[in-house]
Amino acid sequence: MSETVLMVGCGDIGGRVAALHLAQGARVSALARSPARCAQLEALGVAPVSGDLDDASSLAALPAQHALVYYFAPPPEAGLTDPRMGRFLQAITRDALPHKIVYISTSGVYGDCKGAWVTEDTPPHPQTARAQARLDAETRLLAWSRDHSVPVVILRVGGIYGPGRQPVERIRRGEPVLRREAAPFTNRIHADDLARVCLAAAGRGGAGRIYNVCDDEHSTMTDYFNAVADALGRARPPQISLAEAQKVLSPGMLSYLNESRRMDNRRMREELGVVLRYPNLAAGLADPSLAAL
């Protein structure tokens, strides 16, 4: 019997995960809010399930029973909690439980660690609203897991890059970046590697386990922008001081620059058996798919 997979949040990463499962003969469905999205999913071979995480009454028909569930939906843009996760969990009845849930969270739950190494045992200390909402979702999910005896795996993911996710327009516009010596440490993962990690977590991730997901290289945001510019054959962006950055960069970009950490990915590699296709930024940017940006 083929595996049944339910995607809750089926954007770029969800689509990559769905494609991997479809290639293995699984039956894949995905929650969709609009007729247009339903049509897009059908074109990919994914069965759409009409529903909206902001409307609890629309979630009654979730095909979760015995399914492998990937929850990739983000929290609402405003607020410090994730009521969408709450509505999803309330919609799953005790007589129709999934066999496992894999949740994509964020490395932002660790907050600013002043460049220190971070393991899964590092206490979370989120300092942005979006990270606090992600930690709220983790907490809700783990509590539900214990109550319902359904294994849950949490992936705390660094910055995602890959085709369609590069800061191409920003580089073309020549927008500035922070001087390298002032830039914080950041962590990244190629989108294709992240999709493969998700399947590994579904297959080998322990119940209640948390995994840091990143490649084998830590560097700065400035290093990243420089590397993408080099790969595109463009001029590197101008570098400015932190004082200048606070005047000209967006609040979103500044929030990333206020946090510095280096994530340890040993648990991911050892427990999940993941061998990264793109273990560092150079390998990821050397891929021919960059030409499709």
C-alpha atoms as a PDB file:
ATOM      1  CA  MET A   1       0.000   0.000   0.000  1.00  0.00           C
ATOM      2  CA  SER A   2       1.388   3.389  -0.954  1.00  0.00           C
ATOM      3  CA  GLU A   3       2.115   5.963   1.711  1.00  0.00           C
ATOM      4  CA  THR A   4      -0.404   8.723   2.350  1.00  0.00           C
ATOM      5  CA  VAL A   5       1.060  12.212   2.771  1.00  0.00           C
ATOM      6  CA  LEU A   6      -0.722  15.414   3.783  1.00  0.00           C
ATOM      7  CA  MET A   7       0.966  18.776   3.225  1.00  0.00           C
ATOM      8  CA  VAL A   8      -0.207  21.681   5.373  1.00  0.00           C
ATOM      9  CA  GLY A   9       1.571  24.543   3.680  1.00  0.00           C
ATOM     10  CA  CYS A  10       2.686  23.536   0.199  1.00  0.00           C
ATOM     11  CA  GLY A  11       4.779  26.388  -1.156  1.00  0.00           C
ATOM     12  CA  ASP A  12       8.301  26.067  -2.524  1.00  0.00           C
ATOM     13  CA  ILE A  13       9.641  23.603   0.056  1.00  0.00           C
ATOM     14  CA  GLY A  14       6.351  21.758   0.304  1.00  0.00           C
ATOM     15  CA  GLY A  15       6.315  21.341  -3.456  1.00  0.00           C
ATOM     16  CA  ARG A  16       9.826  19.860  -3.398  1.00  0.00           C
ATOM     17  CA  VAL A  17       8.872  17.459  -0.620  1.00  0.00           C
ATOM     18  CA  ALA A  18       5.674  16.481  -2.427  1.00  0.00           C
ATOM     19  CA  ALA A  19       7.617  15.780  -5.635  1.00  0.00           C
ATOM     20  CA  LEU A  20      10.010  13.464  -3.790  1.00  0.00           C
ATOM     21  CA  HIS A  21       7.116  11.519  -2.292  1.00  0.00           C
ATOM     22  CA  LEU A  22       5.241  11.334  -5.593  1.00  0.00           C
ATOM     23  CA  ALA A  23       8.367   9.899  -7.208  1.00  0.00           C
ATOM     24  CA  GLN A  24       8.236   7.138  -4.587  1.00  0.00           C
ATOM     25  CA  GLY A  25       4.622   6.345  -5.422  1.00  0.00           C
ATOM     26  CA  ALA A  26       3.001   8.041  -2.435  1.00  0.00           C
ATOM     27  CA  ARG A  27      -0.454   9.585  -2.496  1.00  0.00           C
ATOM     28  CA  VAL A  28      -0.021  13.260  -1.675  1.00  0.00           C
ATOM     29  CA  SER A  29      -2.690  15.796  -0.757  1.00  0.00           C
ATOM     30  CA  ALA A  30      -2.305  19.408   0.320  1.00  0.00           C
ATOM     31  CA  LEU A  31      -4.417  22.023   2.031  1.00  0.00           C
ATOM     32  CA  ALA A  32      -5.393  24.856  -0.328  1.00  0.00           C
ATOM     33  CA  ARG A  33      -7.312  28.082   0.305  1.00  0.00           C
ATOM     34  CA  SER A  34      -8.333  29.074  -3.238  1.00  0.00           C
ATOM     35  CA  PRO A  35      -9.575  27.445  -6.454  1.00  0.00           C
ATOM     36  CA  ALA A  36      -6.494  28.790  -8.237  1.00  0.00           C
ATOM     37  CA  ARG A  37      -4.185  27.049  -5.779  1.00  0.00           C
ATOM     38  CA  CYS A  38      -6.222  23.853  -6.064  1.00  0.00           C
ATOM     39  CA  ALA A  39      -5.645  23.895  -9.820  1.00  0.00           C
ATOM     40  CA  GLN A  40      -1.913  24.449  -9.355  1.00  0.00           C
ATOM     41  CA  LEU A  41      -1.669  21.514  -6.980  1.00  0.00           C
ATOM     42  CA  GLU A  42      -3.597  19.231  -9.331  1.00  0.00           C
ATOM     43  CA  ALA A  43      -1.132  20.125 -12.101  1.00  0.00           C
ATOM     44  CA  LEU A  44       1.666  18.884  -9.838  1.00  0.00           C
ATOM     45  CA  GLY A  45      -0.109  15.600  -9.174  1.00  0.00           C
ATOM     46  CA  VAL A  46      -1.122  16.651  -5.664  1.00  0.00           C
ATOM     47  CA  ALA A  47      -4.737  16.228  -4.550  1.00  0.00           C
ATOM     48  CA  PRO A  48      -6.054  19.549  -3.205  1.00  0.00           C
ATOM     49  CA  VAL A  49      -8.006  19.712   0.041  1.00  0.00           C
ATOM     50  CA  SER A  50     -10.043  22.891   0.416  1.00  0.00           C
ATOM     51  CA  GLY A  51      -9.465  24.579   3.740  1.00  0.00           C
ATOM     52  CA  ASP A  52      -8.108  27.646   5.491  1.00  0.00           C
ATOM     53  CA  LEU A  53      -6.102  27.607   8.714  1.00  0.00           C
ATOM     54  CA  ASP A  54      -7.699  30.944   9.609  1.00  0.00           C
ATOM     55  CA  ASP A  55     -11.187  29.360   9.495  1.00  0.00           C
ATOM     56  CA  ALA A  56     -11.594  26.431  11.870  1.00  0.00           C
ATOM     57  CA  SER A  57     -14.915  25.396  10.311  1.00  0.00           C
ATOM     58  CA  SER A  58     -13.183  24.712   6.980  1.00  0.00           C
ATOM     59  CA  LEU A  59     -10.833  22.080   8.421  1.00  0.00           C
ATOM     60  CA  ALA A  60     -13.328  19.339   9.219  1.00  0.00           C
ATOM     61  CA  ALA A  61     -12.398  17.171   6.226  1.00  0.00           C
ATOM     62  CA  LEU A  62      -8.628  16.985   6.688  1.00  0.00           C
ATOM     63  CA  PRO A  63      -7.433  13.568   5.421  1.00  0.00           C
ATOM     64  CA  ALA A  64      -5.054  13.075   8.340  1.00  0.00           C
ATOM     65  CA  GLN A  65      -5.897   9.519   9.400  1.00  0.00           C
ATOM     66  CA  HIS A  66      -2.764   7.334   9.250  1.00  0.00           C
ATOM     67  CA  ALA A  67      -1.083  10.020   7.116  1.00  0.00           C
ATOM     68  CA  LEU A  68       2.405  11.396   7.287  1.00  0.00           C
ATOM     69  CA  VAL A  69       1.770  15.101   7.860  1.00  0.00           C
ATOM     70  CA  TYR A  70       4.178  17.879   6.976  1.00  0.00           C
ATOM     71  CA  TYR A  71       3.225  21.174   8.606  1.00  0.00           C
ATOM     72  CA  PHE A  72       4.995  24.011   6.778  1.00  0.00           C
ATOM     73  CA  ALA A  73       2.411  26.793   7.154  1.00  0.00           C
ATOM     74  CA  PRO A  74       3.710  30.015   8.738  1.00  0.00           C
ATOM     75  CA  PRO A  75       2.103  31.695  11.739  1.00  0.00           C
ATOM     76  CA  PRO A  76       0.050  34.852  11.134  1.00  0.00           C
ATOM     77  CA  GLU A  77       2.173  37.917  10.377  1.00  0.00           C
ATOM     78  CA  ALA A  78       1.069  39.648  13.576  1.00  0.00           C
ATOM     79  CA  GLY A  79       1.119  38.319  17.119  1.00  0.00           C
ATOM     80  CA  LEU A  80       3.360  36.253  19.365  1.00  0.00           C
ATOM     81  CA  THR A  81       1.425  32.979  19.090  1.00  0.00           C
ATOM     82  CA  ASP A  82       0.351  30.646  16.302  1.00  0.00           C
ATOM     83  CA  PRO A  83      -3.430  30.142  16.404  1.00  0.00           C
ATOM     84  CA  ARG A  84      -3.231  28.418  13.005  1.00  0.00           C
ATOM     85  CA  MET A  85      -1.382  25.528  14.590  1.00  0.00           C
ATOM     86  CA  GLY A  86      -4.035  25.449  17.313  1.00  0.00           C
ATOM     87  CA  ARG A  87      -6.876  25.232  14.773  1.00  0.00           C
ATOM     88  CA  PHE A  88      -5.089  22.502  12.849  1.00  0.00           C
ATOM     89  CA  LEU A  89      -4.563  20.375  15.949  1.00  0.00           C
ATOM     90  CA  GLN A  90      -8.162  20.880  17.090  1.00  0.00           C
ATOM     91  CA  ALA A  91      -9.358  19.646  13.686  1.00  0.00           C
ATOM     92  CA  ILE A  92      -7.618  16.266  14.107  1.00  0.00           C
ATOM     93  CA  THR A  93      -9.964  13.891  15.879  1.00  0.00           C
ATOM     94  CA  ARG A  94      -8.777  11.051  18.101  1.00  0.00           C
ATOM     95  CA  ASP A  95     -10.271   8.445  15.753  1.00  0.00           C
ATOM     96  CA  ALA A  96      -8.391   9.848  12.733  1.00  0.00           C
ATOM     97  CA  LEU A  97      -4.853  10.497  13.964  1.00  0.00           C
ATOM     98  CA  PRO A  98      -1.828  10.796  11.642  1.00  0.00           C
ATOM     99  CA  HIS A  99       1.072   8.433  12.145  1.00  0.00           C
ATOM    100  CA  LYS A 100       3.667  11.225  12.288  1.00  0.00           C
ATOM    101  CA  ILE A 101       4.020  15.021  11.944  1.00  0.00           C
ATOM    102  CA  VAL A 102       7.101  16.866  10.715  1.00  0.00           C
ATOM    103  CA  TYR A 103       7.154  20.598  11.476  1.00  0.00           C
ATOM    104  CA  ILE A 104       9.458  23.198   9.955  1.00  0.00           C
ATOM    105  CA  SER A 105      10.358  25.796  12.587  1.00  0.00           C
ATOM    106  CA  THR A 106      13.125  28.377  12.519  1.00  0.00           C
ATOM    107  CA  SER A 107      16.597  28.761  13.978  1.00  0.00           C
ATOM    108  CA  GLY A 108      15.334  32.172  15.096  1.00  0.00           C
ATOM    109  CA  VAL A 109      13.882  30.559  18.223  1.00  0.00           C
ATOM    110  CA  TYR A 110      17.424  30.594  19.676  1.00  0.00           C
ATOM    111  CA  GLY A 111      17.618  34.390  19.409  1.00  0.00           C
ATOM    112  CA  ASP A 112      20.923  36.223  19.518  1.00  0.00           C
ATOM    113  CA  CYS A 113      23.700  33.943  20.771  1.00  0.00           C
ATOM    114  CA  LYS A 114      26.557  36.410  20.166  1.00  0.00           C
ATOM    115  CA  GLY A 115      28.133  34.104  17.596  1.00  0.00           C
ATOM    116  CA  ALA A 116      28.237  31.100  19.927  1.00  0.00           C
ATOM    117  CA  TRP A 117      27.637  27.530  18.773  1.00  0.00           C
ATOM    118  CA  VAL A 118      24.055  26.351  19.148  1.00  0.00           C
ATOM    119  CA  THR A 119      22.880  22.763  19.658  1.00  0.00           C
ATOM    120  CA  GLU A 120      19.346  21.455  20.028  1.00  0.00           C
ATOM    121  CA  ASP A 121      19.876  21.556  23.796  1.00  0.00           C
ATOM    122  CA  THR A 122      20.498  25.317  23.767  1.00  0.00           C
ATOM    123  CA  PRO A 123      17.526  26.953  25.540  1.00  0.00           C
ATOM    124  CA  PRO A 124      15.370  28.914  23.093  1.00  0.00           C
ATOM    125  CA  HIS A 125      15.288  32.666  23.558  1.00  0.00           C
ATOM    126  CA  PRO A 126      13.308  34.164  20.656  1.00  0.00           C
ATOM    127  CA  GLN A 127      13.669  37.902  20.252  1.00  0.00           C
ATOM    128  CA  THR A 128      11.386  38.617  17.300  1.00  0.00           C
ATOM    129  CA  ALA A 129       7.629  38.218  17.061  1.00  0.00           C
ATOM    130  CA  ARG A 130       7.897  35.665  14.240  1.00  0.00           C
ATOM    131  CA  ALA A 131      10.335  33.527  16.248  1.00  0.00           C
ATOM    132  CA  GLN A 132       8.130  33.701  19.356  1.00  0.00           C
ATOM    133  CA  ALA A 133       5.178  32.530  17.260  1.00  0.00           C
ATOM    134  CA  ARG A 134       7.238  29.626  15.913  1.00  0.00           C
ATOM    135  CA  LEU A 135       8.231  28.586  19.417  1.00  0.00           C
ATOM    136  CA  ASP A 136       4.572  28.776  20.434  1.00  0.00           C
ATOM    137  CA  ALA A 137       3.740  26.415  17.547  1.00  0.00           C
ATOM    138  CA  GLU A 138       6.489  24.014  18.645  1.00  0.00           C
ATOM    139  CA  THR A 139       5.178  24.035  22.215  1.00  0.00           C
ATOM    140  CA  ARG A 140       1.578  23.416  21.141  1.00  0.00           C
ATOM    141  CA  LEU A 141       2.611  20.604  18.816  1.00  0.00           C
ATOM    142  CA  LEU A 142       4.807  18.808  21.351  1.00  0.00           C
ATOM    143  CA  ALA A 143       2.100  19.008  24.029  1.00  0.00           C
ATOM    144  CA  TRP A 144      -0.476  17.622  21.576  1.00  0.00           C
ATOM    145  CA  SER A 145       1.962  14.866  20.606  1.00  0.00           C
ATOM    146  CA  ARG A 146       2.352  13.733  24.205  1.00  0.00           C
ATOM    147  CA  ASP A 147      -1.410  13.807  24.747  1.00  0.00           C
ATOM    148  CA  HIS A 148      -2.243  11.852  21.586  1.00  0.00           C
ATOM    149  CA  SER A 149       0.834   9.570  21.342  1.00  0.00           C
ATOM    150  CA  VAL A 150       1.576  10.746  17.802  1.00  0.00           C
ATOM    151  CA  PRO A 151       5.311  11.220  17.076  1.00  0.00           C
ATOM    152  CA  VAL A 152       6.345  14.746  16.146  1.00  0.00           C
ATOM    153  CA  VAL A 153       9.674  15.878  14.699  1.00  0.00           C
ATOM    154  CA  ILE A 154      10.713  19.534  14.724  1.00  0.00           C
ATOM    155  CA  LEU A 155      13.215  20.970  12.263  1.00  0.00           C
ATOM    156  CA  ARG A 156      14.806  24.279  13.268  1.00  0.00           C
ATOM    157  CA  VAL A 157      15.929  25.580   9.908  1.00  0.00           C
ATOM    158  CA  GLY A 158      18.491  28.227   9.040  1.00  0.00           C
ATOM    159  CA  GLY A 159      18.208  30.564   6.052  1.00  0.00           C
ATOM    160  CA  ILE A 160      16.963  28.796   2.917  1.00  0.00           C
ATOM    161  CA  TYR A 161      18.547  29.511  -0.458  1.00  0.00           C
ATOM    162  CA  GLY A 162      18.349  28.022  -3.946  1.00  0.00           C
ATOM    163  CA  PRO A 163      16.682  28.644  -7.316  1.00  0.00           C
ATOM    164  CA  GLY A 164      14.023  31.316  -6.973  1.00  0.00           C
ATOM    165  CA  ARG A 165      15.143  32.228  -3.455  1.00  0.00           C
ATOM    166  CA  GLN A 166      18.258  34.316  -4.145  1.00  0.00           C
ATOM    167  CA  PRO A 167      18.479  38.091  -3.503  1.00  0.00           C
ATOM    168  CA  VAL A 168      18.937  38.731  -7.220  1.00  0.00           C
ATOM    169  CA  GLU A 169      16.968  41.970  -7.522  1.00  0.00           C
ATOM    170  CA  ARG A 170      18.554  43.378  -4.385  1.00  0.00           C
ATOM    171  CA  ILE A 171      22.006  42.763  -5.855  1.00  0.00           C
ATOM    172  CA  ARG A 172      21.025  44.205  -9.214  1.00  0.00           C
ATOM    173  CA  ARG A 173      19.820  47.349  -7.478  1.00  0.00           C
ATOM    174  CA  GLY A 174      23.125  47.642  -5.645  1.00  0.00           C
ATOM    175  CA  GLU A 175      21.526  47.777  -2.209  1.00  0.00           C
ATOM    176  CA  PRO A 176      24.142  47.916   0.570  1.00  0.00           C
ATOM    177  CA  VAL A 177      25.098  45.263   3.092  1.00  0.00           C
ATOM    178  CA  LEU A 178      26.742  45.471   6.485  1.00  0.00           C
ATOM    179  CA  ARG A 179      30.528  45.563   6.597  1.00  0.00           C
ATOM    180  CA  ARG A 180      31.828  42.041   6.915  1.00  0.00           C
ATOM    181  CA  GLU A 181      33.653  42.648  10.186  1.00  0.00           C
ATOM    182  CA  ALA A 182      30.396  43.863  11.764  1.00  0.00           C
ATOM    183  CA  ALA A 183      28.126  41.234  10.199  1.00  0.00           C
ATOM    184  CA  PRO A 184      26.720  38.466  12.427  1.00  0.00           C
ATOM    185  CA  PHE A 185      27.200  34.754  11.828  1.00  0.00           C
ATOM    186  CA  THR A 186      24.342  33.098   9.941  1.00  0.00           C
ATOM    187  CA  ASN A 187      23.489  29.571   8.799  1.00  0.00           C
ATOM    188  CA  ARG A 188      21.972  28.348   5.543  1.00  0.00           C
ATOM    189  CA  ILE A 189      20.569  25.286   3.814  1.00  0.00           C
ATOM    190  CA  HIS A 190      19.899  24.681   0.131  1.00  0.00           C
ATOM    191  CA  ALA A 191      16.183  24.177  -0.621  1.00  0.00           C
ATOM    192  CA  ASP A 192      16.776  20.768  -2.222  1.00  0.00           C
ATOM    193  CA  ASP A 193      18.764  19.586   0.779  1.00  0.00           C
ATOM    194  CA  LEU A 194      16.025  20.814   3.109  1.00  0.00           C
ATOM    195  CA  ALA A 195      13.446  18.765   1.201  1.00  0.00           C
ATOM    196  CA  ARG A 196      15.631  15.677   1.564  1.00  0.00           C
ATOM    197  CA  VAL A 197      16.075  16.379   5.291  1.00  0.00           C
ATOM    198  CA  CYS A 198      12.284  16.500   5.642  1.00  0.00           C
ATOM    199  CA  LEU A 199      11.952  12.991   4.195  1.00  0.00           C
ATOM    200  CA  ALA A 200      14.786  11.756   6.410  1.00  0.00           C
ATOM    201  CA  ALA A 201      13.033  13.250   9.444  1.00  0.00           C
ATOM    202  CA  ALA A 202       9.813  11.502   8.448  1.00  0.00           C
ATOM    203  CA  GLY A 203      11.603   8.188   8.118  1.00  0.00           C
ATOM    204  CA  ARG A 204      14.174   8.276  10.906  1.00  0.00           C
ATOM    205  CA  GLY A 205      13.405  11.216  13.182  1.00  0.00           C
ATOM    206  CA  GLY A 206      12.720  10.266  16.776  1.00  0.00           C
ATOM    207  CA  ALA A 207       9.479  11.182  18.513  1.00  0.00           C
ATOM    208  CA  GLY A 208       9.770  14.593  20.115  1.00  0.00           C
ATOM    209  CA  ARG A 209      13.222  15.151  18.641  1.00  0.00           C
ATOM    210  CA  ILE A 210      14.417  18.542  17.472  1.00  0.00           C
ATOM    211  CA  TYR A 211      17.003  18.865  14.708  1.00  0.00           C
ATOM    212  CA  ASN A 212      19.070  21.856  13.659  1.00  0.00           C
ATOM    213  CA  VAL A 213      18.958  22.013   9.858  1.00  0.00           C
ATOM    214  CA  CYS A 214      21.787  23.809   8.083  1.00  0.00           C
ATOM    215  CA  ASP A 215      24.754  23.001   5.897  1.00  0.00           C
ATOM    216  CA  ASP A 216      28.300  22.465   7.169  1.00  0.00           C
ATOM    217  CA  GLU A 217      29.381  26.092   6.786  1.00  0.00           C
ATOM    218  CA  HIS A 218      28.735  29.168   8.885  1.00  0.00           C
ATOM    219  CA  SER A 219      29.452  32.586   7.459  1.00  0.00           C
ATOM    220  CA  THR A 220      27.948  36.066   7.463  1.00  0.00           C
ATOM    221  CA  MET A 221      25.080  37.601   5.545  1.00  0.00           C
ATOM    222  CA  THR A 222      27.654  39.777   3.798  1.00  0.00           C
ATOM    223  CA  ASP A 223      29.573  36.685   2.681  1.00  0.00           C
ATOM    224  CA  TYR A 224      26.322  35.304   1.291  1.00  0.00           C
ATOM    225  CA  PHE A 225      25.445  38.410  -0.726  1.00  0.00           C
ATOM    226  CA  ASN A 226      29.006  38.621  -2.048  1.00  0.00           C
ATOM    227  CA  ALA A 227      28.945  34.969  -3.123  1.00  0.00           C
ATOM    228  CA  VAL A 228      25.616  35.344  -4.918  1.00  0.00           C
ATOM    229  CA  ALA A 229      26.871  38.487  -6.686  1.00  0.00           C
ATOM    230  CA  ASP A 230      30.018  36.631  -7.783  1.00  0.00           C
ATOM    231  CA  ALA A 231      27.962  33.696  -9.066  1.00  0.00           C
ATOM    232  CA  LEU A 232      25.773  36.065 -11.081  1.00  0.00           C
ATOM    233  CA  GLY A 233      28.755  37.957 -12.450  1.00  0.00           C
ATOM    234  CA  ARG A 234      27.537  41.150 -10.776  1.00  0.00           C
ATOM    235  CA  ALA A 235      29.360  43.757  -8.733  1.00  0.00           C
ATOM    236  CA  ARG A 236      29.427  43.011  -5.032  1.00  0.00           C
ATOM    237  CA  PRO A 237      27.062  45.192  -3.006  1.00  0.00           C
ATOM    238  CA  PRO A 238      28.512  48.241  -1.246  1.00  0.00           C
ATOM    239  CA  GLN A 239      29.290  47.758   2.442  1.00  0.00           C
ATOM    240  CA  ILE A 240      28.165  50.184   5.132  1.00  0.00           C
ATOM    241  CA  SER A 241      28.551  50.581   8.882  1.00  0.00           C
ATOM    242  CA  LEU A 242      25.976  49.408  11.398  1.00  0.00           C
ATOM    243  CA  ALA A 243      25.024  53.030  12.106  1.00  0.00           C
ATOM    244  CA  GLU A 244      24.380  53.603   8.405  1.00  0.00           C
ATOM    245  CA  ALA A 245      22.519  50.302   8.103  1.00  0.00           C
ATOM    246  CA  GLN A 246      20.100  51.318  10.838  1.00  0.00           C
ATOM    247  CA  LYS A 247      19.132  54.312   8.722  1.00  0.00           C
ATOM    248  CA  VAL A 248      18.688  52.652   5.322  1.00  0.00           C
ATOM    249  CA  LEU A 249      17.931  48.932   5.744  1.00  0.00           C
ATOM    250  CA  SER A 250      14.443  47.560   6.263  1.00  0.00           C
ATOM    251  CA  PRO A 251      13.295  46.520   9.749  1.00  0.00           C
ATOM    252  CA  GLY A 252      13.109  42.924   8.519  1.00  0.00           C
ATOM    253  CA  MET A 253      16.720  42.918   7.349  1.00  0.00           C
ATOM    254  CA  LEU A 254      17.876  44.639  10.530  1.00  0.00           C
ATOM    255  CA  SER A 255      16.188  41.961  12.640  1.00  0.00           C
ATOM    256  CA  TYR A 256      18.425  39.350  10.989  1.00  0.00           C
ATOM    257  CA  LEU A 257      21.495  41.490  11.564  1.00  0.00           C
ATOM    258  CA  ASN A 258      20.713  41.725  15.271  1.00  0.00           C
ATOM    259  CA  GLU A 259      21.199  37.983  15.792  1.00  0.00           C
ATOM    260  CA  SER A 260      24.394  35.945  15.506  1.00  0.00           C
ATOM    261  CA  ARG A 261      24.794  32.191  16.004  1.00  0.00           C
ATOM    262  CA  ARG A 262      26.516  29.150  14.551  1.00  0.00           C
ATOM    263  CA  MET A 263      24.342  26.055  14.446  1.00  0.00           C
ATOM    264  CA  ASP A 264      25.691  22.579  15.112  1.00  0.00           C
ATOM    265  CA  ASN A 265      24.113  20.105  12.656  1.00  0.00           C
ATOM    266  CA  ARG A 266      25.649  16.888  13.996  1.00  0.00           C
ATOM    267  CA  ARG A 267      22.366  15.474  15.251  1.00  0.00           C
ATOM    268  CA  MET A 268      20.838  15.949  11.800  1.00  0.00           C
ATOM    269  CA  ARG A 269      23.726  14.181  10.100  1.00  0.00           C
ATOM    270  CA  GLU A 270      24.149  11.377  12.616  1.00  0.00           C
ATOM    271  CA  GLU A 271      20.547  10.527  13.577  1.00  0.00           C
ATOM    272  CA  LEU A 272      18.881  11.229  10.246  1.00  0.00           C
ATOM    273  CA  GLY A 273      21.756   9.925   8.133  1.00  0.00           C
ATOM    274  CA  VAL A 274      21.690  13.011   5.942  1.00  0.00           C
ATOM    275  CA  VAL A 275      24.501  13.480   3.428  1.00  0.00           C
ATOM    276  CA  LEU A 276      24.152  16.991   2.077  1.00  0.00           C
ATOM    277  CA  ARG A 277      24.243  17.486  -1.671  1.00  0.00           C
ATOM    278  CA  TYR A 278      25.323  21.081  -1.073  1.00  0.00           C
ATOM    279  CA  PRO A 279      27.448  21.077   2.112  1.00  0.00           C
ATOM    280  CA  ASN A 280      28.521  24.691   1.630  1.00  0.00           C
ATOM    281  CA  LEU A 281      27.535  27.828  -0.223  1.00  0.00           C
ATOM    282  CA  ALA A 282      30.134  27.352  -2.954  1.00  0.00           C
ATOM    283  CA  ALA A 283      28.630  23.973  -3.853  1.00  0.00           C
ATOM    284  CA  GLY A 284      25.102  25.362  -3.838  1.00  0.00           C
ATOM    285  CA  LEU A 285      25.908  28.356  -6.013  1.00  0.00           C
ATOM    286  CA  ALA A 286      27.940  26.259  -8.464  1.00  0.00           C
ATOM    287  CA  ASP A 287      24.825  24.281  -9.347  1.00  0.00           C
ATOM    288  CA  PRO A 288      23.617  24.918 -12.940  1.00  0.00           C
ATOM    289  CA  SER A 289      20.143  25.759 -11.662  1.00  0.00           C
ATOM    290  CA  LEU A 290      21.495  29.150 -10.628  1.00  0.00           C
ATOM    291  CA  ALA A 291      21.195  30.119 -14.275  1.00  0.00           C
ATOM    292  CA  ALA A 292      17.425  29.787 -13.912  1.00  0.00           C
ATOM    293  CA  LEU A 293      17.202  32.616 -11.373  1.00  0.00           C
END
